[in-house]
């Protein structure tokens, strides 16, 4: 790859590409809903505006990367990537089966393994606090019918 095309490996270009791809997909999917009229907007209007803005921002970031030099994309930090994504998948699997408290604690504890060293006191306090806050906000505040504990 020639020196003129090095921007394709830059952090800005890849971030812009990701924004453009996600925004473009969202924009495409939003058109399956009614846009409505300016006086009475439909269900697809707001998602189309948000994802259209995301797509436009991605295009602008990619254009900037072609003009202004930015650092190249480095190595992928596999440990944090796997633990953070794994904790989100585990949360989705556990929330209906074991309840919101256990799912949130599992999410926090597993995601904390993405960094070293692991501070056990900090992890315990954070997981308990986030679990109680999640129950207060989602179960009692918003009245989302999550089970708090296993049924």
N, C-alpha and C. Protein backbone atom coordinates (compact mmCIF):
# COMPACT_ATOMS: atom_id res chain seq x y z
N UNK A 1 0.86 -1.17 0.00
CA UNK A 1 0.00 0.00 0.00
C UNK A 1 0.90 1.23 0.00
N UNK A 2 0.64 2.14 -0.92
CA UNK A 2 1.45 3.34 -1.05
C UNK A 2 1.28 4.28 0.13
N UNK A 3 2.21 5.20 0.24
CA UNK A 3 2.19 6.16 1.34
C UNK A 3 0.94 7.04 1.30
N UNK A 4 0.43 7.29 0.09
CA UNK A 4 -0.75 8.14 -0.05
C UNK A 4 -2.00 7.50 0.55
N UNK A 5 -2.01 6.17 0.66
CA UNK A 5 -3.19 5.47 1.16
C UNK A 5 -3.03 5.02 2.61
N UNK A 6 -2.01 5.47 3.31
CA UNK A 6 -1.78 5.09 4.71
C UNK A 6 -2.92 5.51 5.63
N UNK A 7 -3.67 6.54 5.25
CA UNK A 7 -4.76 7.02 6.10
C UNK A 7 -5.83 5.95 6.28
N UNK A 8 -5.89 4.95 5.39
CA UNK A 8 -6.89 3.88 5.52
C UNK A 8 -6.67 3.03 6.77
N UNK A 9 -5.46 3.07 7.33
CA UNK A 9 -5.16 2.31 8.55
C UNK A 9 -5.16 3.20 9.79
N UNK A 10 -5.56 4.47 9.65
CA UNK A 10 -5.53 5.39 10.79
C UNK A 10 -6.74 5.15 11.70
N UNK A 11 -6.57 5.55 12.96
CA UNK A 11 -7.65 5.40 13.94
C UNK A 11 -8.88 6.20 13.52
N UNK A 12 -8.68 7.42 13.05
CA UNK A 12 -9.81 8.26 12.66
C UNK A 12 -10.59 7.66 11.50
N UNK A 13 -9.87 7.17 10.50
CA UNK A 13 -10.57 6.60 9.35
C UNK A 13 -11.38 5.38 9.76
N UNK A 14 -10.79 4.49 10.57
CA UNK A 14 -11.51 3.28 10.99
C UNK A 14 -12.69 3.62 11.89
N UNK A 15 -12.54 4.62 12.75
CA UNK A 15 -13.68 5.04 13.59
C UNK A 15 -14.78 5.64 12.72
N UNK A 16 -14.41 6.46 11.76
CA UNK A 16 -15.40 7.01 10.84
C UNK A 16 -16.09 5.94 10.03
N UNK A 17 -15.34 4.94 9.61
CA UNK A 17 -15.92 3.82 8.87
C UNK A 17 -16.93 3.06 9.72
N UNK A 18 -16.59 2.85 11.00
CA UNK A 18 -17.52 2.17 11.90
C UNK A 18 -18.79 2.99 12.09
N UNK A 19 -18.65 4.30 12.33
CA UNK A 19 -19.83 5.17 12.49
C UNK A 19 -20.68 5.16 11.22
N UNK A 20 -20.04 5.22 10.07
CA UNK A 20 -20.76 5.23 8.81
C UNK A 20 -21.50 3.91 8.59
N UNK A 21 -20.87 2.80 8.91
CA UNK A 21 -21.50 1.50 8.73
C UNK A 21 -22.68 1.31 9.67
N UNK A 22 -22.51 1.64 10.94
CA UNK A 22 -23.61 1.50 11.91
C UNK A 22 -24.73 2.47 11.58
N UNK A 23 -24.38 3.71 11.27
CA UNK A 23 -25.38 4.71 10.91
C UNK A 23 -26.12 4.33 9.64
N UNK A 24 -25.39 3.84 8.64
CA UNK A 24 -26.03 3.43 7.38
C UNK A 24 -26.99 2.28 7.59
N UNK A 25 -26.60 1.31 8.40
CA UNK A 25 -27.49 0.18 8.71
C UNK A 25 -28.73 0.68 9.44
N UNK A 26 -28.54 1.54 10.43
CA UNK A 26 -29.67 2.09 11.17
C UNK A 26 -30.58 2.92 10.28
N UNK A 27 -30.00 3.68 9.39
CA UNK A 27 -30.78 4.48 8.45
C UNK A 27 -31.60 3.59 7.53
N UNK A 28 -30.98 2.54 7.02
CA UNK A 28 -31.69 1.59 6.18
C UNK A 28 -32.85 0.94 6.94
N UNK A 29 -32.61 0.52 8.17
CA UNK A 29 -33.66 -0.13 8.96
C UNK A 29 -34.76 0.84 9.37
N UNK A 30 -34.42 2.11 9.54
CA UNK A 30 -35.44 3.08 9.97
C UNK A 30 -36.47 3.34 8.88
N UNK A 31 -36.09 3.11 7.63
CA UNK A 31 -37.04 3.35 6.54
C UNK A 31 -38.11 2.27 6.44
N UNK A 32 -38.01 1.22 7.25
CA UNK A 32 -39.07 0.23 7.27
C UNK A 32 -40.25 0.71 8.13
N UNK A 33 -40.07 1.83 8.83
CA UNK A 33 -41.13 2.45 9.63
C UNK A 33 -41.64 3.70 8.91
N UNK A 34 -42.83 4.11 9.25
CA UNK A 34 -43.42 5.29 8.65
C UNK A 34 -42.70 6.55 9.11
N UNK A 35 -42.39 7.45 8.15
CA UNK A 35 -41.76 8.72 8.48
C UNK A 35 -42.78 9.75 8.95
N UNK A 36 -44.02 9.61 8.50
CA UNK A 36 -45.07 10.55 8.88
C UNK A 36 -44.94 11.87 8.13
N UNK A 37 -45.57 12.89 8.67
CA UNK A 37 -45.55 14.23 8.08
C UNK A 37 -44.89 15.17 9.09
N UNK A 38 -44.43 16.36 8.65
CA UNK A 38 -43.79 17.28 9.59
C UNK A 38 -44.67 17.65 10.79
N UNK A 39 -45.98 17.69 10.59
CA UNK A 39 -46.86 18.04 11.72
C UNK A 39 -47.14 16.85 12.63
N UNK A 40 -46.95 15.65 12.11
CA UNK A 40 -47.19 14.43 12.91
C UNK A 40 -46.17 13.38 12.47
N UNK A 41 -45.01 13.40 13.13
CA UNK A 41 -43.93 12.53 12.70
C UNK A 41 -44.25 11.08 13.03
N UNK A 42 -43.74 10.18 12.20
CA UNK A 42 -43.97 8.76 12.39
C UNK A 42 -42.88 8.11 13.22
N UNK A 43 -43.00 6.80 13.37
CA UNK A 43 -42.07 6.04 14.22
C UNK A 43 -40.67 5.98 13.65
N UNK A 44 -40.51 6.15 12.35
CA UNK A 44 -39.19 6.05 11.75
C UNK A 44 -38.45 7.36 11.65
N UNK A 45 -39.11 8.48 11.96
CA UNK A 45 -38.48 9.79 11.78
C UNK A 45 -37.28 10.00 12.70
N UNK A 46 -37.46 9.80 13.99
CA UNK A 46 -36.38 10.05 14.94
C UNK A 46 -35.20 9.11 14.72
N UNK A 47 -35.42 7.79 14.56
CA UNK A 47 -34.26 6.92 14.26
C UNK A 47 -33.56 7.31 12.96
N UNK A 48 -34.31 7.76 11.96
CA UNK A 48 -33.68 8.17 10.69
C UNK A 48 -32.82 9.41 10.89
N UNK A 49 -33.28 10.36 11.69
CA UNK A 49 -32.49 11.57 11.94
C UNK A 49 -31.22 11.24 12.73
N UNK A 50 -31.34 10.42 13.76
CA UNK A 50 -30.19 10.07 14.59
C UNK A 50 -29.16 9.29 13.78
N UNK A 51 -29.60 8.26 13.07
CA UNK A 51 -28.66 7.44 12.31
C UNK A 51 -28.14 8.19 11.08
N UNK A 52 -28.94 9.08 10.54
CA UNK A 52 -28.44 9.93 9.45
C UNK A 52 -27.33 10.84 9.94
N UNK A 53 -27.50 11.40 11.13
CA UNK A 53 -26.45 12.23 11.74
C UNK A 53 -25.19 11.43 12.04
N UNK A 54 -25.37 10.20 12.50
CA UNK A 54 -24.23 9.34 12.77
C UNK A 54 -23.48 9.01 11.48
N UNK A 55 -24.22 8.75 10.42
CA UNK A 55 -23.60 8.47 9.13
C UNK A 55 -22.83 9.69 8.62
N UNK A 56 -23.44 10.85 8.72
CA UNK A 56 -22.78 12.09 8.28
C UNK A 56 -21.52 12.36 9.11
N UNK A 57 -21.60 12.14 10.42
CA UNK A 57 -20.42 12.33 11.27
C UNK A 57 -19.32 11.36 10.86
N UNK A 58 -19.67 10.12 10.57
CA UNK A 58 -18.68 9.14 10.13
C UNK A 58 -18.00 9.55 8.84
N UNK A 59 -18.77 10.06 7.89
CA UNK A 59 -18.20 10.51 6.63
C UNK A 59 -17.25 11.69 6.85
N UNK A 60 -17.63 12.61 7.73
CA UNK A 60 -16.77 13.76 8.03
C UNK A 60 -15.47 13.31 8.70
N UNK A 61 -15.55 12.33 9.61
CA UNK A 61 -14.35 11.83 10.29
C UNK A 61 -13.43 11.13 9.29
N UNK A 62 -14.01 10.37 8.37
CA UNK A 62 -13.19 9.70 7.36
C UNK A 62 -12.52 10.73 6.44
N UNK A 63 -13.24 11.79 6.07
CA UNK A 63 -12.67 12.83 5.23
C UNK A 63 -11.53 13.54 5.95
N UNK A 64 -11.71 13.80 7.24
CA UNK A 64 -10.65 14.44 8.03
C UNK A 64 -9.41 13.55 8.08
N UNK A 65 -9.62 12.24 8.19
CA UNK A 65 -8.49 11.31 8.25
C UNK A 65 -7.69 11.32 6.96
N UNK A 66 -8.35 11.61 5.84
CA UNK A 66 -7.64 11.66 4.56
C UNK A 66 -6.79 12.92 4.44
N UNK A 67 -7.14 13.96 5.21
CA UNK A 67 -6.44 15.25 5.10
C UNK A 67 -5.42 15.45 6.22
N UNK A 68 -5.82 15.12 7.46
CA UNK A 68 -4.97 15.34 8.63
C UNK A 68 -4.44 14.00 9.13
N UNK A 69 -3.16 13.91 9.35
CA UNK A 69 -2.55 12.67 9.81
C UNK A 69 -3.01 12.34 11.23
N UNK A 70 -3.31 11.08 11.45
CA UNK A 70 -3.66 10.60 12.78
C UNK A 70 -2.91 9.29 13.01
N UNK A 71 -2.80 8.86 14.28
CA UNK A 71 -2.04 7.64 14.56
C UNK A 71 -2.66 6.41 13.89
N UNK A 72 -1.80 5.48 13.53
CA UNK A 72 -2.28 4.22 12.95
C UNK A 72 -2.92 3.38 14.02
N UNK A 73 -3.85 2.55 13.58
CA UNK A 73 -4.52 1.64 14.49
C UNK A 73 -3.51 0.62 14.99
N UNK A 74 -3.37 0.50 16.29
CA UNK A 74 -2.37 -0.39 16.87
C UNK A 74 -2.89 -1.80 17.05
N UNK A 75 -2.24 -2.52 17.92
CA UNK A 75 -2.65 -3.89 18.22
C UNK A 75 -3.97 -3.90 18.97
N UNK A 76 -4.70 -4.96 18.81
CA UNK A 76 -5.98 -5.10 19.50
C UNK A 76 -5.72 -5.67 20.88
N UNK A 77 -6.28 -5.04 21.90
CA UNK A 77 -6.16 -5.52 23.27
C UNK A 77 -7.23 -6.62 23.46
N UNK A 78 -6.82 -7.85 23.25
CA UNK A 78 -7.77 -8.96 23.24
C UNK A 78 -8.37 -9.24 24.61
N UNK A 79 -7.59 -9.13 25.66
CA UNK A 79 -8.11 -9.43 27.00
C UNK A 79 -9.31 -8.54 27.37
N UNK A 80 -9.18 -7.21 27.30
CA UNK A 80 -10.34 -6.37 27.61
C UNK A 80 -11.50 -6.61 26.65
N UNK A 81 -11.20 -6.77 25.38
CA UNK A 81 -12.26 -6.98 24.40
C UNK A 81 -13.08 -8.23 24.73
N UNK A 82 -12.40 -9.33 25.01
CA UNK A 82 -13.10 -10.58 25.31
C UNK A 82 -13.88 -10.52 26.62
N UNK A 83 -13.28 -9.94 27.65
CA UNK A 83 -13.97 -9.90 28.94
C UNK A 83 -15.16 -8.95 28.93
N UNK A 84 -15.05 -7.81 28.27
CA UNK A 84 -16.16 -6.85 28.24
C UNK A 84 -17.31 -7.40 27.40
N UNK A 85 -17.01 -7.93 26.23
CA UNK A 85 -18.07 -8.51 25.39
C UNK A 85 -18.65 -9.75 26.06
N UNK A 86 -17.79 -10.57 26.64
CA UNK A 86 -18.26 -11.76 27.34
C UNK A 86 -19.16 -11.43 28.52
N UNK A 87 -18.84 -10.37 29.25
CA UNK A 87 -19.68 -9.98 30.39
C UNK A 87 -21.05 -9.49 29.93
N UNK A 88 -21.10 -8.79 28.79
CA UNK A 88 -22.39 -8.34 28.26
C UNK A 88 -23.24 -9.52 27.80
N UNK A 89 -22.61 -10.51 27.16
CA UNK A 89 -23.33 -11.71 26.73
C UNK A 89 -23.82 -12.49 27.94
N UNK A 90 -22.97 -12.62 28.96
CA UNK A 90 -23.37 -13.32 30.18
C UNK A 90 -24.54 -12.61 30.85
N UNK A 91 -24.51 -11.27 30.90
CA UNK A 91 -25.62 -10.51 31.48
C UNK A 91 -26.92 -10.82 30.74
N UNK A 92 -26.88 -10.79 29.41
CA UNK A 92 -28.08 -11.07 28.62
C UNK A 92 -28.60 -12.47 28.88
N UNK A 93 -27.70 -13.42 29.09
CA UNK A 93 -28.10 -14.80 29.36
C UNK A 93 -28.68 -14.95 30.76
N UNK A 94 -28.14 -14.23 31.75
CA UNK A 94 -28.53 -14.42 33.14
C UNK A 94 -29.71 -13.58 33.61
N UNK A 95 -29.98 -12.45 32.99
CA UNK A 95 -30.96 -11.52 33.54
C UNK A 95 -32.35 -12.16 33.65
N UNK A 96 -32.76 -12.95 32.70
CA UNK A 96 -34.08 -13.61 32.78
C UNK A 96 -34.05 -14.85 33.66
N UNK A 97 -32.89 -15.51 33.75
CA UNK A 97 -32.80 -16.77 34.47
C UNK A 97 -32.54 -16.58 35.96
N UNK A 98 -31.63 -15.67 36.31
CA UNK A 98 -31.23 -15.51 37.71
C UNK A 98 -31.59 -14.16 38.31
N UNK A 99 -32.17 -13.28 37.55
CA UNK A 99 -32.61 -12.00 38.08
C UNK A 99 -31.59 -10.90 37.87
N UNK A 100 -32.07 -9.68 38.05
CA UNK A 100 -31.27 -8.49 37.78
C UNK A 100 -30.07 -8.35 38.72
N UNK A 101 -30.24 -8.65 40.00
CA UNK A 101 -29.13 -8.50 40.95
C UNK A 101 -27.94 -9.37 40.58
N UNK A 102 -28.18 -10.65 40.37
CA UNK A 102 -27.09 -11.57 40.07
C UNK A 102 -26.49 -11.26 38.70
N UNK A 103 -27.32 -10.88 37.73
CA UNK A 103 -26.82 -10.56 36.39
C UNK A 103 -25.91 -9.34 36.42
N UNK A 104 -26.28 -8.31 37.16
CA UNK A 104 -25.46 -7.09 37.23
C UNK A 104 -24.15 -7.38 37.97
N UNK A 105 -24.23 -8.12 39.06
CA UNK A 105 -23.00 -8.46 39.79
C UNK A 105 -22.07 -9.28 38.88
N UNK A 106 -22.62 -10.23 38.14
CA UNK A 106 -21.81 -11.04 37.21
C UNK A 106 -21.19 -10.17 36.13
N UNK A 107 -21.96 -9.22 35.62
CA UNK A 107 -21.46 -8.30 34.59
C UNK A 107 -20.26 -7.51 35.10
N UNK A 108 -20.39 -6.94 36.28
CA UNK A 108 -19.32 -6.11 36.83
C UNK A 108 -18.08 -6.95 37.16
N UNK A 109 -18.29 -8.09 37.81
CA UNK A 109 -17.16 -8.91 38.22
C UNK A 109 -16.39 -9.42 37.00
N UNK A 110 -17.09 -9.94 36.00
CA UNK A 110 -16.41 -10.48 34.83
C UNK A 110 -15.71 -9.37 34.03
N UNK A 111 -16.35 -8.23 33.90
CA UNK A 111 -15.72 -7.14 33.14
C UNK A 111 -14.51 -6.57 33.86
N UNK A 112 -14.46 -6.68 35.17
CA UNK A 112 -13.30 -6.19 35.92
C UNK A 112 -12.05 -7.04 35.66
N UNK A 113 -12.23 -8.26 35.17
CA UNK A 113 -11.08 -9.10 34.83
C UNK A 113 -10.37 -8.60 33.57
N UNK A 114 -10.90 -7.58 32.92
CA UNK A 114 -10.27 -7.04 31.73
C UNK A 114 -9.03 -6.22 32.06
N UNK A 115 -8.85 -5.87 33.31
CA UNK A 115 -7.65 -5.11 33.70
C UNK A 115 -6.89 -5.86 34.78
N UNK A 116 -5.62 -5.52 34.88
CA UNK A 116 -4.79 -6.12 35.92
C UNK A 116 -4.12 -5.01 36.69
N UNK A 117 -3.89 -5.08 37.93
CA UNK A 117 -4.38 -6.09 38.86
C UNK A 117 -5.85 -5.82 39.21
N UNK A 118 -6.50 -6.84 39.71
CA UNK A 118 -7.91 -6.72 40.08
C UNK A 118 -7.99 -6.36 41.56
N UNK A 119 -8.64 -5.26 41.85
CA UNK A 119 -8.83 -4.83 43.22
C UNK A 119 -10.16 -5.43 43.70
N UNK A 120 -10.09 -6.42 44.59
CA UNK A 120 -11.29 -7.15 45.01
C UNK A 120 -12.26 -6.29 45.81
N UNK A 121 -11.75 -5.42 46.67
CA UNK A 121 -12.63 -4.56 47.46
C UNK A 121 -13.37 -3.59 46.55
N UNK A 122 -12.65 -2.98 45.63
CA UNK A 122 -13.26 -2.05 44.68
C UNK A 122 -14.30 -2.76 43.81
N UNK A 123 -13.97 -3.96 43.37
CA UNK A 123 -14.90 -4.74 42.54
C UNK A 123 -16.16 -5.10 43.32
N UNK A 124 -16.00 -5.51 44.57
CA UNK A 124 -17.16 -5.87 45.40
C UNK A 124 -18.05 -4.66 45.65
N UNK A 125 -17.45 -3.52 46.00
CA UNK A 125 -18.24 -2.31 46.26
C UNK A 125 -18.95 -1.82 44.99
N UNK A 126 -18.24 -1.85 43.88
CA UNK A 126 -18.82 -1.42 42.62
C UNK A 126 -19.97 -2.33 42.19
N UNK A 127 -19.79 -3.62 42.31
CA UNK A 127 -20.84 -4.55 41.87
C UNK A 127 -22.07 -4.46 42.77
N UNK A 128 -21.88 -4.33 44.06
CA UNK A 128 -23.03 -4.20 44.96
C UNK A 128 -23.75 -2.88 44.71
N UNK A 129 -22.99 -1.80 44.59
CA UNK A 129 -23.60 -0.49 44.33
C UNK A 129 -24.36 -0.45 43.01
N UNK A 130 -23.76 -0.98 41.95
CA UNK A 130 -24.42 -0.97 40.64
C UNK A 130 -25.64 -1.89 40.62
N UNK A 131 -25.58 -3.00 41.35
CA UNK A 131 -26.73 -3.90 41.41
C UNK A 131 -27.90 -3.22 42.12
N UNK A 132 -27.63 -2.57 43.23
CA UNK A 132 -28.70 -1.88 43.95
C UNK A 132 -29.24 -0.70 43.15
N UNK A 133 -28.37 0.04 42.50
CA UNK A 133 -28.80 1.16 41.67
C UNK A 133 -29.64 0.66 40.49
N UNK A 134 -29.24 -0.44 39.87
CA UNK A 134 -29.99 -1.00 38.75
C UNK A 134 -31.39 -1.41 39.17
N UNK A 135 -31.49 -2.05 40.32
CA UNK A 135 -32.81 -2.45 40.82
C UNK A 135 -33.65 -1.21 41.12
N UNK A 136 -33.06 -0.21 41.74
CA UNK A 136 -33.80 1.00 42.07
C UNK A 136 -34.30 1.71 40.81
N UNK A 137 -33.45 1.83 39.81
CA UNK A 137 -33.82 2.56 38.59
C UNK A 137 -34.76 1.76 37.72
N UNK A 138 -34.38 0.53 37.38
CA UNK A 138 -35.14 -0.22 36.38
C UNK A 138 -36.37 -0.93 36.94
N UNK A 139 -36.25 -1.49 38.15
CA UNK A 139 -37.39 -2.22 38.70
C UNK A 139 -38.39 -1.28 39.38
N UNK A 140 -37.89 -0.43 40.26
CA UNK A 140 -38.80 0.44 41.01
C UNK A 140 -39.08 1.76 40.30
N UNK A 141 -38.06 2.39 39.73
CA UNK A 141 -38.25 3.69 39.09
C UNK A 141 -38.99 3.59 37.77
N UNK A 142 -38.48 2.79 36.84
CA UNK A 142 -39.08 2.67 35.52
C UNK A 142 -40.13 1.56 35.43
N UNK A 143 -40.21 0.77 36.46
CA UNK A 143 -41.18 -0.34 36.54
C UNK A 143 -41.04 -1.34 35.38
N UNK A 144 -39.81 -1.62 35.01
CA UNK A 144 -39.54 -2.66 34.01
C UNK A 144 -39.63 -4.00 34.72
N UNK A 145 -40.41 -4.93 34.18
CA UNK A 145 -40.68 -6.17 34.92
C UNK A 145 -39.52 -7.17 34.92
N UNK A 146 -38.37 -6.75 35.45
CA UNK A 146 -37.25 -7.67 35.66
C UNK A 146 -37.47 -8.38 36.99
N UNK A 147 -37.15 -9.65 37.03
CA UNK A 147 -37.11 -10.35 38.31
C UNK A 147 -35.85 -9.87 39.03
N UNK A 148 -35.97 -9.60 40.32
CA UNK A 148 -34.80 -9.13 41.08
C UNK A 148 -33.89 -10.30 41.43
N UNK A 149 -34.48 -11.38 41.87
CA UNK A 149 -33.76 -12.58 42.24
C UNK A 149 -34.29 -13.77 41.44
N UNK A 150 -33.62 -14.91 41.47
CA UNK A 150 -34.13 -16.07 40.73
C UNK A 150 -35.55 -16.43 41.16
N UNK A 151 -36.32 -16.87 40.18
CA UNK A 151 -37.71 -17.23 40.50
C UNK A 151 -37.82 -18.64 41.00
